[in-house]
Amino acid sequence: MALLQLNEEQIRTWTRAQKDEWWLKNVYRGDMPQLTLRSGATGFLLGGVLAATALYIAAKTGITIGVGLTSVILAFAIYRIMNTAGLAQDFTILENNCTQSIATAAGYMVSPLIAALAAYMLVTNHIPPWWHLVLWMVVCSTLGVLLAFPMKRRFINDEQLPFPEGRAPGEASRIHRARHRRLPAHHQRRLDEAAAVQDPSHARVGRNEGAMDVPRATG
């Protein structure tokens, strides 16, 4: 179903504060568990495994891969099996999104090891010590986080541009839940809206019915 969206005039004339207030009132689902201990732990676990997998594949092929879709499917499957066995409750769709956000961050963290450092070692025929690699990763990760906040506020919160990367994990999570749990129509509509939330909070906001998932954080 199409989610609530701002129209072109609202995007052009509203302030960022008005857009954020609209999102909090119409899209955000604060009553649903999101960043929980189990979603964080699962994200760290899957992120470590998938980051090693991504690094291996990139070293062999030179192609970097994202782990968002894989982490969504694995997290859903793990807690579905545990729920069936009576060991744990099933993930909420927002917990699943938090897990995939953490796992994706870990998966992308290995990217600087693949391109820049590999080229450096080929050109200089020198392998840096391990602590140089750790320092390089920390610096790159810190710069990424610091740049992400102003870019997100400008292009996503203010200009309401679509964020395509979260679409596939969001759609996969929504499809799995709809297939394995029969819900009343009004409840399913709320889950559809909540599925747009990425990281702890993203909103699926766009300019037409084909809009993609867009990250929307409250901070």
N, C-alpha and C. Protein backbone atom coordinates (compact mmCIF):
# COMPACT_ATOMS: atom_id res chain seq x y z
N MET A 1 0.84 -1.19 0.00
CA MET A 1 0.00 0.00 0.00
C MET A 1 0.88 1.25 0.00
N ALA A 2 0.33 2.34 -0.57
CA ALA A 2 1.08 3.58 -0.60
C ALA A 2 1.09 4.20 0.79
N LEU A 3 2.24 4.68 1.21
CA LEU A 3 2.36 5.30 2.52
C LEU A 3 2.10 6.78 2.43
N LEU A 4 1.84 7.37 3.59
CA LEU A 4 1.62 8.80 3.64
C LEU A 4 2.87 9.54 3.17
N GLN A 5 2.66 10.56 2.36
CA GLN A 5 3.77 11.28 1.78
C GLN A 5 3.49 12.77 1.78
N LEU A 6 4.54 13.54 1.76
CA LEU A 6 4.41 14.97 1.54
C LEU A 6 4.29 15.24 0.05
N ASN A 7 3.45 16.21 -0.32
CA ASN A 7 3.35 16.55 -1.73
C ASN A 7 4.42 17.57 -2.10
N GLU A 8 4.48 17.90 -3.38
CA GLU A 8 5.53 18.79 -3.88
C GLU A 8 5.47 20.16 -3.21
N GLU A 9 4.27 20.68 -3.02
CA GLU A 9 4.15 22.00 -2.40
C GLU A 9 4.61 21.99 -0.95
N GLN A 10 4.25 20.93 -0.21
CA GLN A 10 4.69 20.83 1.17
C GLN A 10 6.21 20.70 1.27
N ILE A 11 6.79 19.91 0.37
CA ILE A 11 8.25 19.76 0.37
C ILE A 11 8.93 21.09 0.09
N ARG A 12 8.33 21.88 -0.79
CA ARG A 12 8.95 23.14 -1.19
C ARG A 12 8.74 24.24 -0.15
N THR A 13 7.60 24.27 0.54
CA THR A 13 7.27 25.40 1.40
C THR A 13 7.44 25.13 2.89
N TRP A 14 7.36 23.89 3.33
CA TRP A 14 7.47 23.61 4.75
C TRP A 14 8.92 23.71 5.21
N THR A 15 9.08 24.10 6.48
CA THR A 15 10.41 24.08 7.07
C THR A 15 10.76 22.65 7.47
N ARG A 16 12.04 22.43 7.77
CA ARG A 16 12.46 21.09 8.17
C ARG A 16 11.80 20.68 9.48
N ALA A 17 11.60 21.63 10.38
CA ALA A 17 10.94 21.32 11.64
C ALA A 17 9.50 20.86 11.41
N GLN A 18 8.80 21.49 10.47
CA GLN A 18 7.43 21.08 10.15
C GLN A 18 7.41 19.68 9.54
N LYS A 19 8.38 19.40 8.68
CA LYS A 19 8.44 18.07 8.06
C LYS A 19 8.72 17.01 9.10
N ASP A 20 9.63 17.28 10.04
CA ASP A 20 9.93 16.32 11.09
C ASP A 20 8.73 16.10 12.01
N GLU A 21 8.01 17.18 12.31
CA GLU A 21 6.82 17.06 13.15
C GLU A 21 5.75 16.22 12.46
N TRP A 22 5.57 16.42 11.15
CA TRP A 22 4.62 15.62 10.38
C TRP A 22 5.01 14.15 10.40
N TRP A 23 6.30 13.87 10.24
CA TRP A 23 6.76 12.48 10.24
C TRP A 23 6.53 11.83 11.60
N LEU A 24 6.82 12.54 12.69
CA LEU A 24 6.61 12.00 14.02
C LEU A 24 5.14 11.70 14.28
N LYS A 25 4.27 12.52 13.74
CA LYS A 25 2.85 12.36 13.99
C LYS A 25 2.22 11.28 13.11
N ASN A 26 2.68 11.12 11.87
CA ASN A 26 2.00 10.27 10.90
C ASN A 26 2.71 8.96 10.58
N VAL A 27 4.02 8.90 10.79
CA VAL A 27 4.78 7.72 10.36
C VAL A 27 5.43 6.99 11.52
N TYR A 28 6.04 7.73 12.42
CA TYR A 28 6.81 7.11 13.50
C TYR A 28 5.93 6.26 14.41
N ARG A 29 6.43 5.10 14.82
CA ARG A 29 5.70 4.18 15.69
C ARG A 29 6.51 3.96 16.96
N GLY A 30 6.37 4.86 17.91
CA GLY A 30 7.14 4.76 19.14
C GLY A 30 6.66 3.68 20.09
N ASP A 31 5.45 3.13 19.84
CA ASP A 31 4.92 2.09 20.72
C ASP A 31 5.39 0.68 20.34
N MET A 32 6.18 0.57 19.30
CA MET A 32 6.66 -0.74 18.85
C MET A 32 8.14 -0.89 19.18
N PRO A 33 8.56 -2.01 19.79
CA PRO A 33 9.99 -2.20 20.11
C PRO A 33 10.86 -2.05 18.88
N GLN A 34 11.98 -1.33 19.04
CA GLN A 34 12.88 -1.08 17.92
C GLN A 34 14.31 -1.48 18.28
N LEU A 35 15.04 -0.57 18.92
CA LEU A 35 16.43 -0.86 19.28
C LEU A 35 16.44 -1.53 20.65
N THR A 36 16.32 -2.84 20.65
CA THR A 36 16.32 -3.63 21.88
C THR A 36 17.66 -4.35 22.03
N LEU A 37 17.84 -4.95 23.21
CA LEU A 37 19.10 -5.67 23.45
C LEU A 37 19.27 -6.82 22.46
N ARG A 38 18.21 -7.55 22.20
CA ARG A 38 18.34 -8.70 21.29
C ARG A 38 18.54 -8.26 19.84
N SER A 39 17.91 -7.16 19.44
CA SER A 39 18.13 -6.71 18.06
C SER A 39 19.56 -6.20 17.88
N GLY A 40 20.09 -5.52 18.92
CA GLY A 40 21.47 -5.07 18.84
C GLY A 40 22.46 -6.21 18.83
N ALA A 41 22.25 -7.19 19.73
CA ALA A 41 23.16 -8.34 19.79
C ALA A 41 23.12 -9.14 18.50
N THR A 42 21.91 -9.34 17.97
CA THR A 42 21.78 -10.08 16.71
C THR A 42 22.45 -9.33 15.57
N GLY A 43 22.31 -8.01 15.56
CA GLY A 43 22.95 -7.21 14.52
C GLY A 43 24.46 -7.29 14.58
N PHE A 44 25.02 -7.23 15.80
CA PHE A 44 26.47 -7.36 15.95
C PHE A 44 26.96 -8.73 15.49
N LEU A 45 26.22 -9.78 15.86
CA LEU A 45 26.62 -11.13 15.49
C LEU A 45 26.56 -11.33 13.98
N LEU A 46 25.43 -10.99 13.39
CA LEU A 46 25.30 -11.14 11.94
C LEU A 46 26.26 -10.22 11.20
N GLY A 47 26.46 -9.01 11.73
CA GLY A 47 27.38 -8.07 11.08
C GLY A 47 28.80 -8.59 11.04
N GLY A 48 29.25 -9.21 12.15
CA GLY A 48 30.60 -9.76 12.16
C GLY A 48 30.78 -10.88 11.15
N VAL A 49 29.80 -11.78 11.11
CA VAL A 49 29.89 -12.91 10.17
C VAL A 49 29.80 -12.42 8.73
N LEU A 50 28.85 -11.55 8.45
CA LEU A 50 28.65 -11.08 7.08
C LEU A 50 29.75 -10.14 6.62
N ALA A 51 30.36 -9.40 7.56
CA ALA A 51 31.50 -8.55 7.18
C ALA A 51 32.68 -9.41 6.73
N ALA A 52 32.92 -10.49 7.47
CA ALA A 52 34.00 -11.40 7.05
C ALA A 52 33.70 -12.02 5.69
N THR A 53 32.43 -12.37 5.48
CA THR A 53 32.02 -12.93 4.18
C THR A 53 32.22 -11.91 3.07
N ALA A 54 31.79 -10.66 3.32
CA ALA A 54 31.94 -9.61 2.31
C ALA A 54 33.40 -9.34 2.00
N LEU A 55 34.24 -9.37 3.02
CA LEU A 55 35.67 -9.14 2.81
C LEU A 55 36.28 -10.25 1.98
N TYR A 56 35.89 -11.48 2.25
CA TYR A 56 36.42 -12.62 1.49
C TYR A 56 35.99 -12.54 0.02
N ILE A 57 34.71 -12.26 -0.20
CA ILE A 57 34.21 -12.18 -1.57
C ILE A 57 34.89 -11.04 -2.33
N ALA A 58 35.06 -9.90 -1.66
CA ALA A 58 35.70 -8.76 -2.30
C ALA A 58 37.17 -9.05 -2.61
N ALA A 59 37.84 -9.76 -1.70
CA ALA A 59 39.25 -10.08 -1.95
C ALA A 59 39.39 -11.03 -3.14
N LYS A 60 38.42 -11.90 -3.31
CA LYS A 60 38.48 -12.87 -4.42
C LYS A 60 38.02 -12.29 -5.75
N THR A 61 37.02 -11.40 -5.70
CA THR A 61 36.41 -10.92 -6.94
C THR A 61 36.61 -9.43 -7.21
N GLY A 62 36.97 -8.66 -6.16
CA GLY A 62 37.09 -7.21 -6.32
C GLY A 62 35.75 -6.50 -6.28
N ILE A 63 34.70 -7.20 -5.92
CA ILE A 63 33.36 -6.62 -5.88
C ILE A 63 32.89 -6.54 -4.43
N THR A 64 32.47 -5.36 -4.01
CA THR A 64 31.92 -5.22 -2.66
C THR A 64 30.43 -5.52 -2.68
N ILE A 65 29.94 -6.09 -1.61
CA ILE A 65 28.53 -6.44 -1.52
C ILE A 65 27.94 -5.84 -0.25
N GLY A 66 26.66 -5.51 -0.31
CA GLY A 66 25.93 -5.08 0.88
C GLY A 66 25.35 -6.29 1.59
N VAL A 67 25.11 -6.15 2.87
CA VAL A 67 24.62 -7.29 3.64
C VAL A 67 23.23 -7.02 4.21
N GLY A 68 22.60 -5.93 3.79
CA GLY A 68 21.31 -5.56 4.36
C GLY A 68 20.23 -6.60 4.14
N LEU A 69 20.04 -7.02 2.88
CA LEU A 69 19.00 -7.99 2.57
C LEU A 69 19.27 -9.33 3.23
N THR A 70 20.53 -9.77 3.21
CA THR A 70 20.89 -11.04 3.83
C THR A 70 20.64 -11.02 5.33
N SER A 71 20.98 -9.92 5.98
CA SER A 71 20.78 -9.84 7.43
C SER A 71 19.31 -9.82 7.80
N VAL A 72 18.48 -9.18 6.99
CA VAL A 72 17.03 -9.17 7.26
C VAL A 72 16.47 -10.59 7.21
N ILE A 73 16.83 -11.33 6.17
CA ILE A 73 16.31 -12.69 6.01
C ILE A 73 16.82 -13.60 7.11
N LEU A 74 18.11 -13.51 7.43
CA LEU A 74 18.67 -14.37 8.48
C LEU A 74 18.07 -14.05 9.85
N ALA A 75 17.94 -12.77 10.18
CA ALA A 75 17.37 -12.40 11.47
C ALA A 75 15.93 -12.88 11.59
N PHE A 76 15.17 -12.70 10.53
CA PHE A 76 13.79 -13.17 10.55
C PHE A 76 13.73 -14.68 10.73
N ALA A 77 14.57 -15.40 9.98
CA ALA A 77 14.56 -16.87 10.06
C ALA A 77 14.99 -17.36 11.44
N ILE A 78 16.01 -16.73 12.02
CA ILE A 78 16.50 -17.16 13.34
C ILE A 78 15.40 -17.02 14.39
N TYR A 79 14.76 -15.87 14.44
CA TYR A 79 13.74 -15.66 15.48
C TYR A 79 12.42 -16.35 15.15
N ARG A 80 12.18 -16.62 13.88
CA ARG A 80 11.01 -17.43 13.54
C ARG A 80 11.18 -18.85 14.07
N ILE A 81 12.38 -19.40 13.87
CA ILE A 81 12.65 -20.76 14.38
C ILE A 81 12.61 -20.78 15.90
N MET A 82 13.21 -19.78 16.55
CA MET A 82 13.19 -19.73 18.00
C MET A 82 11.79 -19.53 18.54
N ASN A 83 10.97 -18.75 17.85
CA ASN A 83 9.59 -18.56 18.26
C ASN A 83 8.79 -19.84 18.13
N THR A 84 9.01 -20.57 17.06
CA THR A 84 8.32 -21.84 16.86
C THR A 84 8.71 -22.85 17.92
N ALA A 85 9.99 -22.82 18.35
CA ALA A 85 10.46 -23.75 19.37
C ALA A 85 10.11 -23.28 20.79
N GLY A 86 9.51 -22.09 20.92
CA GLY A 86 9.14 -21.58 22.23
C GLY A 86 10.29 -20.99 23.00
N LEU A 87 11.39 -20.63 22.33
CA LEU A 87 12.57 -20.10 23.01
C LEU A 87 12.60 -18.58 23.05
N ALA A 88 11.89 -17.93 22.17
CA ALA A 88 11.89 -16.47 22.13
C ALA A 88 10.68 -15.98 21.35
N GLN A 89 10.31 -14.74 21.60
CA GLN A 89 9.25 -14.13 20.82
C GLN A 89 9.77 -13.71 19.47
N ASP A 90 8.88 -13.64 18.52
CA ASP A 90 9.27 -13.24 17.17
C ASP A 90 9.71 -11.79 17.16
N PHE A 91 10.61 -11.46 16.24
CA PHE A 91 11.04 -10.07 16.04
C PHE A 91 9.85 -9.21 15.61
N THR A 92 9.80 -7.98 16.11
CA THR A 92 8.93 -7.00 15.46
C THR A 92 9.62 -6.52 14.19
N ILE A 93 8.86 -5.92 13.32
CA ILE A 93 9.44 -5.50 12.05
C ILE A 93 10.48 -4.39 12.26
N LEU A 94 10.31 -3.59 13.32
CA LEU A 94 11.28 -2.53 13.58
C LEU A 94 12.55 -3.08 14.24
N GLU A 95 12.42 -4.12 15.05
CA GLU A 95 13.60 -4.79 15.57
C GLU A 95 14.41 -5.39 14.43
N ASN A 96 13.70 -5.96 13.46
CA ASN A 96 14.39 -6.53 12.30
C ASN A 96 15.13 -5.44 11.54
N ASN A 97 14.52 -4.28 11.42
CA ASN A 97 15.17 -3.17 10.72
C ASN A 97 16.41 -2.68 11.48
N CYS A 98 16.32 -2.63 12.81
CA CYS A 98 17.48 -2.23 13.60
C CYS A 98 18.63 -3.22 13.43
N THR A 99 18.29 -4.51 13.43
CA THR A 99 19.30 -5.54 13.23
C THR A 99 20.00 -5.38 11.89
N GLN A 100 19.22 -5.17 10.83
CA GLN A 100 19.83 -5.05 9.51
C GLN A 100 20.65 -3.77 9.41
N SER A 101 20.26 -2.70 10.11
CA SER A 101 21.04 -1.47 10.07
C SER A 101 22.41 -1.67 10.71
N ILE A 102 22.44 -2.35 11.85
CA ILE A 102 23.71 -2.62 12.53
C ILE A 102 24.57 -3.55 11.68
N ALA A 103 23.97 -4.61 11.16
CA ALA A 103 24.72 -5.56 10.35
C ALA A 103 25.24 -4.92 9.07
N THR A 104 24.44 -4.05 8.47
CA THR A 104 24.88 -3.37 7.25
C THR A 104 26.06 -2.45 7.52
N ALA A 105 26.01 -1.74 8.66
CA ALA A 105 27.13 -0.87 9.02
C ALA A 105 28.42 -1.67 9.16
N ALA A 106 28.32 -2.83 9.79
CA ALA A 106 29.50 -3.69 9.94
C ALA A 106 29.97 -4.21 8.58
N GLY A 107 29.03 -4.53 7.71
CA GLY A 107 29.40 -5.04 6.40
C GLY A 107 30.12 -4.02 5.55
N TYR A 108 29.68 -2.77 5.62
CA TYR A 108 30.33 -1.72 4.84
C TYR A 108 31.64 -1.27 5.45
N MET A 109 31.86 -1.58 6.70
CA MET A 109 33.08 -1.11 7.36
C MET A 109 34.34 -1.72 6.75
N VAL A 110 34.21 -2.85 6.09
CA VAL A 110 35.39 -3.50 5.50
C VAL A 110 35.73 -2.90 4.13
N SER A 111 34.89 -2.02 3.60
CA SER A 111 35.13 -1.48 2.26
C SER A 111 36.48 -0.79 2.10
N PRO A 112 36.94 0.03 3.08
CA PRO A 112 38.26 0.66 2.91
C PRO A 112 39.41 -0.34 2.82
N LEU A 113 39.22 -1.55 3.35
CA LEU A 113 40.27 -2.56 3.24
C LEU A 113 40.37 -3.14 1.84
N ILE A 114 39.34 -2.96 1.06
CA ILE A 114 39.27 -3.64 -0.23
C ILE A 114 39.89 -2.81 -1.35
N ALA A 115 39.57 -1.54 -1.41
CA ALA A 115 40.01 -0.71 -2.53
C ALA A 115 41.30 0.05 -2.23
N ALA A 116 41.22 1.01 -1.31
CA ALA A 116 42.35 1.91 -1.09
C ALA A 116 43.58 1.18 -0.56
N LEU A 117 43.41 0.37 0.48
CA LEU A 117 44.56 -0.31 1.06
C LEU A 117 45.13 -1.37 0.13
N ALA A 118 44.26 -2.04 -0.60
CA ALA A 118 44.76 -3.03 -1.55
C ALA A 118 45.60 -2.36 -2.63
N ALA A 119 45.13 -1.22 -3.14
CA ALA A 119 45.90 -0.48 -4.15
C ALA A 119 47.23 0.00 -3.57
N TYR A 120 47.20 0.48 -2.34
CA TYR A 120 48.42 0.95 -1.69
C TYR A 120 49.46 -0.18 -1.57
N MET A 121 48.99 -1.35 -1.15
CA MET A 121 49.92 -2.47 -0.99
C MET A 121 50.48 -2.95 -2.32
N LEU A 122 49.67 -2.89 -3.38
CA LEU A 122 50.14 -3.29 -4.70
C LEU A 122 51.19 -2.30 -5.23
N VAL A 123 50.96 -1.02 -5.02
CA VAL A 123 51.86 0.01 -5.54
C VAL A 123 53.17 0.05 -4.77
N THR A 124 53.10 -0.05 -3.45
CA THR A 124 54.29 0.09 -2.62
C THR A 124 54.96 -1.24 -2.28
N ASN A 125 54.25 -2.33 -2.54
CA ASN A 125 54.75 -3.66 -2.17
C ASN A 125 55.07 -3.73 -0.67
N HIS A 126 54.22 -3.09 0.10
CA HIS A 126 54.40 -3.04 1.55
C HIS A 126 53.08 -3.33 2.25
N ILE A 127 53.10 -4.24 3.21
CA ILE A 127 51.91 -4.56 3.98
C ILE A 127 51.96 -3.80 5.30
N PRO A 128 51.01 -2.90 5.55
CA PRO A 128 51.03 -2.13 6.79
C PRO A 128 50.81 -3.02 8.01
N PRO A 129 51.33 -2.64 9.16
CA PRO A 129 51.07 -3.41 10.38
C PRO A 129 49.59 -3.34 10.74
N TRP A 130 49.15 -4.28 11.58
CA TRP A 130 47.73 -4.40 11.88
C TRP A 130 47.17 -3.14 12.53
N TRP A 131 47.96 -2.46 13.37
CA TRP A 131 47.42 -1.30 14.05
C TRP A 131 47.22 -0.13 13.10
N HIS A 132 47.98 -0.09 12.00
CA HIS A 132 47.71 0.90 10.97
C HIS A 132 46.35 0.65 10.33
N LEU A 133 46.04 -0.62 10.10
CA LEU A 133 44.75 -0.97 9.50
C LEU A 133 43.61 -0.60 10.44
N VAL A 134 43.77 -0.87 11.72
CA VAL A 134 42.74 -0.53 12.70
C VAL A 134 42.53 0.98 12.74
N LEU A 135 43.61 1.73 12.76
CA LEU A 135 43.51 3.19 12.79
C LEU A 135 42.83 3.72 11.53
N TRP A 136 43.18 3.15 10.39
CA TRP A 136 42.56 3.54 9.13
C TRP A 136 41.05 3.30 9.15
N MET A 137 40.64 2.16 9.67
CA MET A 137 39.21 1.83 9.74
C MET A 137 38.47 2.77 10.69
N VAL A 138 39.09 3.08 11.81
CA VAL A 138 38.46 3.97 12.79
C VAL A 138 38.27 5.36 12.20
N VAL A 139 39.30 5.87 11.52
CA VAL A 139 39.22 7.20 10.92
C VAL A 139 38.14 7.24 9.84
N CYS A 140 38.13 6.25 8.97
CA CYS A 140 37.13 6.20 7.89
C CYS A 140 35.71 6.10 8.46
N SER A 141 35.53 5.27 9.47
CA SER A 141 34.21 5.10 10.08
C SER A 141 33.75 6.39 10.75
N THR A 142 34.66 7.06 11.44
CA THR A 142 34.31 8.31 12.12
C THR A 142 33.92 9.39 11.11
N LEU A 143 34.69 9.50 10.04
CA LEU A 143 34.36 10.48 9.00
C LEU A 143 33.00 10.17 8.37
N GLY A 144 32.74 8.90 8.15
CA GLY A 144 31.45 8.51 7.58
C GLY A 144 30.28 8.92 8.45
N VAL A 145 30.40 8.69 9.75
CA VAL A 145 29.33 9.06 10.67
C VAL A 145 29.15 10.57 10.72
N LEU A 146 30.26 11.31 10.79
CA LEU A 146 30.18 12.76 10.89
C LEU A 146 29.59 13.39 9.63
N LEU A 147 29.89 12.81 8.47
CA LEU A 147 29.34 13.34 7.22
C LEU A 147 27.90 12.92 7.02
N ALA A 148 27.50 11.78 7.57
CA ALA A 148 26.15 11.26 7.34
C ALA A 148 25.08 12.17 7.93
N PHE A 149 25.33 12.74 9.10
CA PHE A 149 24.31 13.55 9.76
C PHE A 149 23.92 14.78 8.96
N PRO A 150 24.88 15.65 8.57
CA PRO A 150 24.47 16.83 7.79
C PRO A 150 23.91 16.48 6.41
N MET A 151 24.44 15.43 5.77
CA MET A 151 23.92 15.03 4.46
C MET A 151 22.49 14.52 4.58
N LYS A 152 22.23 13.74 5.63
CA LYS A 152 20.87 13.21 5.82
C LYS A 152 19.88 14.34 6.08
N ARG A 153 20.26 15.27 6.95
CA ARG A 153 19.35 16.37 7.26
C ARG A 153 19.04 17.22 6.04
N ARG A 154 20.05 17.39 5.19
CA ARG A 154 19.85 18.22 4.00
C ARG A 154 19.03 17.52 2.93
N PHE A 155 19.46 16.33 2.54
CA PHE A 155 18.88 15.68 1.37
C PHE A 155 17.63 14.85 1.69
N ILE A 156 17.53 14.33 2.93
CA ILE A 156 16.42 13.44 3.25
C ILE A 156 15.37 14.15 4.11
N ASN A 157 15.82 14.75 5.23
CA ASN A 157 14.85 15.43 6.08
C ASN A 157 14.27 16.67 5.39
N ASP A 158 15.13 17.46 4.74
CA ASP A 158 14.68 18.72 4.15
C ASP A 158 14.13 18.53 2.75
N GLU A 159 14.91 17.96 1.84
CA GLU A 159 14.48 17.84 0.45
C GLU A 159 13.62 16.60 0.20
N GLN A 160 13.53 15.70 1.19
CA GLN A 160 12.66 14.52 1.09
C GLN A 160 13.00 13.64 -0.12
N LEU A 161 14.28 13.54 -0.44
CA LEU A 161 14.70 12.70 -1.55
C LEU A 161 14.60 11.23 -1.16
N PRO A 162 14.27 10.35 -2.10
CA PRO A 162 14.14 8.91 -1.78
C PRO A 162 15.49 8.29 -1.47
N PHE A 163 15.47 7.30 -0.61
CA PHE A 163 16.67 6.57 -0.21
C PHE A 163 16.51 5.12 -0.67
N PRO A 164 17.04 4.77 -1.85
CA PRO A 164 16.72 3.48 -2.45
C PRO A 164 17.32 2.27 -1.75
N GLU A 165 18.43 2.45 -1.03
CA GLU A 165 19.14 1.28 -0.51
C GLU A 165 18.33 0.51 0.52
N GLY A 166 17.49 1.21 1.29
CA GLY A 166 16.70 0.53 2.30
C GLY A 166 15.46 -0.14 1.76
N ARG A 167 15.18 0.01 0.47
CA ARG A 167 13.94 -0.53 -0.10
C ARG A 167 13.88 -2.04 -0.04
N ALA A 168 14.93 -2.70 -0.54
CA ALA A 168 14.91 -4.16 -0.60
C ALA A 168 14.78 -4.81 0.78
N PRO A 169 15.61 -4.42 1.79
CA PRO A 169 15.41 -5.00 3.12
C PRO A 169 14.04 -4.72 3.70
N GLY A 170 13.53 -3.50 3.49
CA GLY A 170 12.21 -3.17 4.01
C GLY A 170 11.11 -4.00 3.37
N GLU A 171 11.18 -4.17 2.05
CA GLU A 171 10.18 -4.98 1.36
C GLU A 171 10.27 -6.44 1.76
N ALA A 172 11.50 -6.95 1.88
CA ALA A 172 11.67 -8.35 2.27
C ALA A 172 11.11 -8.61 3.66
N SER A 173 11.38 -7.70 4.60
CA SER A 173 10.88 -7.86 5.96
C SER A 173 9.37 -7.81 5.98
N ARG A 174 8.78 -6.91 5.22
CA ARG A 174 7.33 -6.78 5.19
C ARG A 174 6.67 -8.01 4.58
N ILE A 175 7.27 -8.52 3.52
CA ILE A 175 6.71 -9.70 2.85
C ILE A 175 6.75 -10.91 3.77
N HIS A 176 7.87 -11.11 4.46
CA HIS A 176 7.99 -12.24 5.36
C HIS A 176 6.95 -12.18 6.47
N ARG A 177 6.76 -11.00 7.04
CA ARG A 177 5.79 -10.89 8.13
C ARG A 177 4.37 -11.09 7.64
N ALA A 178 4.06 -10.55 6.46
CA ALA A 178 2.72 -10.72 5.92
C ALA A 178 2.43 -12.18 5.58
N ARG A 179 3.45 -12.90 5.17
CA ARG A 179 3.25 -14.29 4.77
C ARG A 179 3.09 -15.22 5.97
N HIS A 180 3.79 -14.92 7.05
CA HIS A 180 3.81 -15.83 8.19
C HIS A 180 2.89 -15.42 9.33
N ARG A 181 2.29 -14.25 9.23
CA ARG A 181 1.37 -13.82 10.28
C ARG A 181 0.17 -13.15 9.66
N ARG A 182 -1.01 -13.69 9.94
CA ARG A 182 -2.24 -13.11 9.43
C ARG A 182 -2.74 -12.08 10.43
N LEU A 183 -2.82 -10.83 9.99
CA LEU A 183 -3.19 -9.75 10.87
C LEU A 183 -4.44 -9.05 10.35
N PRO A 184 -5.20 -8.40 11.26
CA PRO A 184 -6.30 -7.55 10.79
C PRO A 184 -5.78 -6.47 9.85
N ALA A 185 -6.65 -6.03 8.97
CA ALA A 185 -6.21 -5.09 7.94
C ALA A 185 -5.65 -3.80 8.54
N HIS A 186 -6.32 -3.27 9.59
CA HIS A 186 -5.85 -2.01 10.15
C HIS A 186 -4.49 -2.18 10.83
N HIS A 187 -4.25 -3.37 11.44
CA HIS A 187 -2.96 -3.63 12.07
C HIS A 187 -1.88 -3.78 11.01
N GLN A 188 -2.20 -4.46 9.91
CA GLN A 188 -1.23 -4.63 8.84
C GLN A 188 -0.85 -3.29 8.21
N ARG A 189 -1.81 -2.37 8.13
CA ARG A 189 -1.49 -1.05 7.58
C ARG A 189 -0.48 -0.33 8.46
N ARG A 190 -0.64 -0.46 9.78
CA ARG A 190 0.32 0.18 10.68
C ARG A 190 1.70 -0.45 10.54
N LEU A 191 1.74 -1.76 10.35
CA LEU A 191 3.03 -2.42 10.15
C LEU A 191 3.66 -1.99 8.83
N ASP A 192 2.84 -1.80 7.80
CA ASP A 192 3.37 -1.35 6.52
C ASP A 192 4.03 0.02 6.65
N GLU A 193 3.39 0.89 7.43
CA GLU A 193 3.99 2.21 7.63
C GLU A 193 5.25 2.11 8.47
N ALA A 194 5.21 1.25 9.50
CA ALA A 194 6.37 1.11 10.37
C ALA A 194 7.54 0.46 9.65
N ALA A 195 7.26 -0.33 8.61
CA ALA A 195 8.33 -1.01 7.89
C ALA A 195 9.25 -0.03 7.20
N ALA A 196 8.77 1.20 7.01
CA ALA A 196 9.62 2.20 6.37
C ALA A 196 10.72 2.68 7.29
N VAL A 197 10.65 2.36 8.57
CA VAL A 197 11.62 2.84 9.53
C VAL A 197 12.90 2.05 9.41
N GLN A 198 14.03 2.74 9.22
CA GLN A 198 15.33 2.10 9.13
C GLN A 198 16.23 2.74 10.18
N ASP A 199 17.31 2.10 10.51
CA ASP A 199 18.13 2.42 11.66
C ASP A 199 17.16 2.38 12.82
N PRO A 200 17.28 3.22 13.87
CA PRO A 200 16.12 3.08 14.72
C PRO A 200 14.90 3.71 14.07
N SER A 201 15.06 4.71 13.17
CA SER A 201 13.87 5.35 12.63
C SER A 201 14.14 5.88 11.23
N HIS A 202 13.36 5.36 10.26
CA HIS A 202 13.39 5.84 8.89
C HIS A 202 11.94 5.99 8.45
N ALA A 203 11.73 6.84 7.50
CA ALA A 203 10.38 6.99 6.98
C ALA A 203 10.38 6.77 5.49
N ARG A 204 9.37 6.09 5.01
CA ARG A 204 9.26 5.90 3.58
C ARG A 204 8.48 7.08 3.03
N VAL A 205 9.20 8.05 2.54
CA VAL A 205 8.59 9.28 2.09
C VAL A 205 9.06 9.55 0.68
N GLY A 206 8.17 9.97 -0.18
CA GLY A 206 8.59 10.24 -1.54
C GLY A 206 7.64 11.18 -2.23
N ARG A 207 7.75 11.22 -3.53
CA ARG A 207 6.96 12.17 -4.29
C ARG A 207 5.93 11.48 -5.16
N ASN A 208 5.85 10.18 -5.12
CA ASN A 208 4.84 9.46 -5.88
C ASN A 208 4.64 8.11 -5.23
N GLU A 209 3.77 7.29 -5.80
CA GLU A 209 3.46 6.01 -5.18
C GLU A 209 4.61 5.03 -5.28
N GLY A 210 5.60 5.33 -6.10
CA GLY A 210 6.76 4.47 -6.19
C GLY A 210 7.88 4.88 -5.26
N ALA A 211 7.55 5.66 -4.24
CA ALA A 211 8.59 6.16 -3.35
C ALA A 211 9.29 5.02 -2.65
N MET A 212 10.54 5.26 -2.32
CA MET A 212 11.36 4.25 -1.68
C MET A 212 11.57 4.58 -0.21
N ASP A 213 12.12 3.63 0.54
CA ASP A 213 12.33 3.84 1.95
C ASP A 213 13.38 4.92 2.17
N VAL A 214 13.07 5.83 3.07
CA VAL A 214 13.93 6.98 3.32
C VAL A 214 14.28 7.03 4.78
N PRO A 215 15.57 7.12 5.14
CA PRO A 215 15.91 7.18 6.55
C PRO A 215 15.48 8.49 7.18
N ARG A 216 14.89 8.39 8.35
CA ARG A 216 14.43 9.56 9.06
C ARG A 216 14.72 9.39 10.53
N ALA A 217 15.72 10.03 11.03
CA ALA A 217 16.07 9.91 12.44
C ALA A 217 15.54 11.13 13.20
N THR A 218 15.27 10.92 14.45
CA THR A 218 14.73 12.00 15.25
C THR A 218 15.81 12.91 15.78
N GLY A 219 17.08 12.44 15.82
CA GLY A 219 18.15 13.23 16.41
C GLY A 219 18.73 14.24 15.47
